[in-house]
Amino acid sequence: MCRSIHRLREGTTPATDDEIYEAARQYVRKVSGFGKPTAKHQAAFDEAVAEIAASSKRLLETVTATLTG
């Protein structure tokens, strides 16, 4: 579905918070259909991005910890 979102668990360095946030924003844009949300929808859009970014960060930390530990 989101071909332009790059895998964040590749390479030797962990994904940065900015990379995780941008991937979450791209995902929300794709799902919502908004390239840029209207002022009416901005708060919901921002909340969704924050939730997905937080979940993605937890996922990446967990996966990394189980691979190395």
N, C-alpha and C. Protein backbone atom coordinates (compact mmCIF):
# COMPACT_ATOMS: atom_id res chain seq x y z
N MET A 1 0.81 -1.19 0.00
CA MET A 1 0.00 0.00 0.00
C MET A 1 0.86 1.25 0.00
N CYS A 2 1.87 1.33 0.84
CA CYS A 2 2.70 2.53 0.94
C CYS A 2 4.09 2.23 0.41
N ARG A 3 4.21 2.16 -0.88
CA ARG A 3 5.48 1.77 -1.50
C ARG A 3 6.61 2.72 -1.20
N SER A 4 6.30 3.98 -0.94
CA SER A 4 7.37 4.95 -0.73
C SER A 4 7.86 5.00 0.72
N ILE A 5 7.22 4.26 1.61
CA ILE A 5 7.72 4.20 2.99
C ILE A 5 8.84 3.17 3.02
N HIS A 6 10.00 3.61 3.46
CA HIS A 6 11.15 2.72 3.50
C HIS A 6 11.16 1.91 4.78
N ARG A 7 11.73 0.74 4.71
CA ARG A 7 11.87 -0.07 5.92
C ARG A 7 12.81 0.65 6.86
N LEU A 8 12.42 0.72 8.10
CA LEU A 8 13.21 1.45 9.08
C LEU A 8 14.14 0.55 9.87
N ARG A 9 14.02 -0.75 9.70
CA ARG A 9 14.85 -1.68 10.46
C ARG A 9 15.96 -2.25 9.58
N GLU A 10 16.40 -1.52 8.62
CA GLU A 10 17.49 -1.97 7.76
C GLU A 10 18.73 -1.15 8.05
N GLY A 11 19.85 -1.72 7.77
CA GLY A 11 21.10 -1.00 7.98
C GLY A 11 21.65 -1.25 9.37
N THR A 12 22.75 -0.58 9.64
CA THR A 12 23.44 -0.81 10.90
C THR A 12 23.07 0.19 11.98
N THR A 13 22.44 1.30 11.61
CA THR A 13 22.06 2.29 12.60
C THR A 13 20.55 2.27 12.79
N PRO A 14 20.09 2.47 14.02
CA PRO A 14 18.65 2.49 14.27
C PRO A 14 18.01 3.70 13.60
N ALA A 15 16.73 3.57 13.29
CA ALA A 15 15.99 4.68 12.69
C ALA A 15 15.93 5.84 13.68
N THR A 16 16.03 7.03 13.16
CA THR A 16 15.93 8.22 14.01
C THR A 16 14.46 8.53 14.28
N ASP A 17 14.22 9.35 15.29
CA ASP A 17 12.85 9.77 15.58
C ASP A 17 12.24 10.49 14.38
N ASP A 18 13.04 11.27 13.67
CA ASP A 18 12.53 11.97 12.48
C ASP A 18 12.12 10.99 11.39
N GLU A 19 12.91 9.95 11.17
CA GLU A 19 12.57 8.94 10.17
C GLU A 19 11.28 8.21 10.53
N ILE A 20 11.14 7.90 11.81
CA ILE A 20 9.92 7.22 12.27
C ILE A 20 8.72 8.14 12.11
N TYR A 21 8.86 9.40 12.47
CA TYR A 21 7.77 10.37 12.34
C TYR A 21 7.37 10.54 10.88
N GLU A 22 8.34 10.68 10.00
CA GLU A 22 8.04 10.87 8.57
C GLU A 22 7.35 9.65 7.97
N ALA A 23 7.74 8.45 8.38
CA ALA A 23 7.07 7.24 7.91
C ALA A 23 5.63 7.22 8.41
N ALA A 24 5.41 7.61 9.66
CA ALA A 24 4.05 7.66 10.21
C ALA A 24 3.21 8.69 9.47
N ARG A 25 3.80 9.83 9.19
CA ARG A 25 3.07 10.88 8.45
C ARG A 25 2.70 10.41 7.05
N GLN A 26 3.61 9.72 6.39
CA GLN A 26 3.35 9.20 5.05
C GLN A 26 2.20 8.19 5.10
N TYR A 27 2.22 7.33 6.11
CA TYR A 27 1.17 6.33 6.26
C TYR A 27 -0.19 7.00 6.48
N VAL A 28 -0.25 7.97 7.36
CA VAL A 28 -1.52 8.66 7.64
C VAL A 28 -2.00 9.40 6.39
N ARG A 29 -1.10 10.00 5.66
CA ARG A 29 -1.48 10.67 4.40
C ARG A 29 -2.10 9.67 3.44
N LYS A 30 -1.50 8.50 3.33
CA LYS A 30 -2.01 7.49 2.40
C LYS A 30 -3.38 6.99 2.84
N VAL A 31 -3.51 6.66 4.13
CA VAL A 31 -4.76 6.11 4.64
C VAL A 31 -5.88 7.15 4.58
N SER A 32 -5.58 8.39 4.96
CA SER A 32 -6.62 9.43 5.03
C SER A 32 -6.98 9.99 3.66
N GLY A 33 -6.05 9.89 2.73
CA GLY A 33 -6.29 10.49 1.42
C GLY A 33 -5.97 11.97 1.38
N PHE A 34 -5.44 12.52 2.48
CA PHE A 34 -5.07 13.93 2.54
C PHE A 34 -3.57 14.08 2.28
N GLY A 35 -3.20 14.79 1.23
CA GLY A 35 -1.81 15.16 1.07
C GLY A 35 -1.43 16.19 2.12
N LYS A 36 -2.34 17.11 2.34
CA LYS A 36 -2.22 18.12 3.40
C LYS A 36 -3.63 18.28 3.95
N PRO A 37 -3.82 17.92 5.22
CA PRO A 37 -5.17 18.00 5.77
C PRO A 37 -5.66 19.44 5.88
N THR A 38 -6.96 19.59 5.82
CA THR A 38 -7.56 20.91 6.01
C THR A 38 -7.43 21.30 7.49
N ALA A 39 -7.64 22.56 7.78
CA ALA A 39 -7.58 23.03 9.16
C ALA A 39 -8.56 22.26 10.04
N LYS A 40 -9.70 21.91 9.48
CA LYS A 40 -10.72 21.16 10.21
C LYS A 40 -10.22 19.78 10.64
N HIS A 41 -9.36 19.17 9.84
CA HIS A 41 -8.89 17.82 10.10
C HIS A 41 -7.46 17.75 10.66
N GLN A 42 -6.81 18.89 10.80
CA GLN A 42 -5.40 18.91 11.19
C GLN A 42 -5.15 18.23 12.54
N ALA A 43 -5.97 18.49 13.54
CA ALA A 43 -5.76 17.91 14.87
C ALA A 43 -5.86 16.39 14.83
N ALA A 44 -6.85 15.87 14.14
CA ALA A 44 -7.01 14.41 14.03
C ALA A 44 -5.83 13.81 13.28
N PHE A 45 -5.40 14.47 12.23
CA PHE A 45 -4.25 14.02 11.43
C PHE A 45 -2.99 13.97 12.31
N ASP A 46 -2.73 15.05 13.03
CA ASP A 46 -1.54 15.13 13.88
C ASP A 46 -1.57 14.07 14.98
N GLU A 47 -2.74 13.85 15.57
CA GLU A 47 -2.87 12.84 16.61
C GLU A 47 -2.60 11.44 16.07
N ALA A 48 -3.12 11.16 14.89
CA ALA A 48 -2.88 9.85 14.28
C ALA A 48 -1.39 9.65 13.98
N VAL A 49 -0.74 10.67 13.46
CA VAL A 49 0.70 10.57 13.18
C VAL A 49 1.47 10.30 14.47
N ALA A 50 1.14 11.01 15.53
CA ALA A 50 1.85 10.84 16.81
C ALA A 50 1.64 9.43 17.36
N GLU A 51 0.42 8.92 17.29
CA GLU A 51 0.13 7.57 17.79
C GLU A 51 0.87 6.51 16.99
N ILE A 52 0.87 6.64 15.68
CA ILE A 52 1.54 5.66 14.83
C ILE A 52 3.05 5.74 15.01
N ALA A 53 3.58 6.94 15.13
CA ALA A 53 5.02 7.09 15.35
C ALA A 53 5.43 6.45 16.68
N ALA A 54 4.64 6.67 17.73
CA ALA A 54 4.96 6.08 19.03
C ALA A 54 4.90 4.56 18.97
N SER A 55 3.87 4.02 18.33
CA SER A 55 3.75 2.57 18.19
C SER A 55 4.89 2.00 17.36
N SER A 56 5.25 2.69 16.30
CA SER A 56 6.35 2.23 15.45
C SER A 56 7.67 2.23 16.20
N LYS A 57 7.89 3.27 17.00
CA LYS A 57 9.13 3.34 17.77
C LYS A 57 9.20 2.18 18.77
N ARG A 58 8.09 1.91 19.46
CA ARG A 58 8.06 0.78 20.41
C ARG A 58 8.33 -0.53 19.68
N LEU A 59 7.72 -0.70 18.53
CA LEU A 59 7.93 -1.92 17.74
C LEU A 59 9.39 -2.07 17.36
N LEU A 60 9.98 -1.03 16.84
CA LEU A 60 11.38 -1.10 16.42
C LEU A 60 12.31 -1.36 17.60
N GLU A 61 12.03 -0.76 18.75
CA GLU A 61 12.86 -1.00 19.94
C GLU A 61 12.73 -2.44 20.40
N THR A 62 11.53 -2.98 20.38
CA THR A 62 11.29 -4.36 20.80
C THR A 62 11.96 -5.35 19.86
N VAL A 63 11.79 -5.13 18.57
CA VAL A 63 12.36 -6.03 17.58
C VAL A 63 13.89 -5.99 17.67
N THR A 64 14.44 -4.80 17.79
CA THR A 64 15.89 -4.66 17.90
C THR A 64 16.41 -5.35 19.15
N ALA A 65 15.70 -5.19 20.26
CA ALA A 65 16.14 -5.80 21.53
C ALA A 65 16.10 -7.33 21.44
N THR A 66 15.09 -7.88 20.78
CA THR A 66 15.01 -9.34 20.69
C THR A 66 16.01 -9.91 19.69
N LEU A 67 16.41 -9.11 18.71
CA LEU A 67 17.40 -9.59 17.75
C LEU A 67 18.80 -9.58 18.34
N THR A 68 19.07 -8.61 19.21
CA THR A 68 20.41 -8.49 19.76
C THR A 68 20.56 -9.15 21.12
N GLY A 69 19.45 -9.46 21.76
CA GLY A 69 19.52 -9.97 23.13
C GLY A 69 19.23 -11.42 23.28
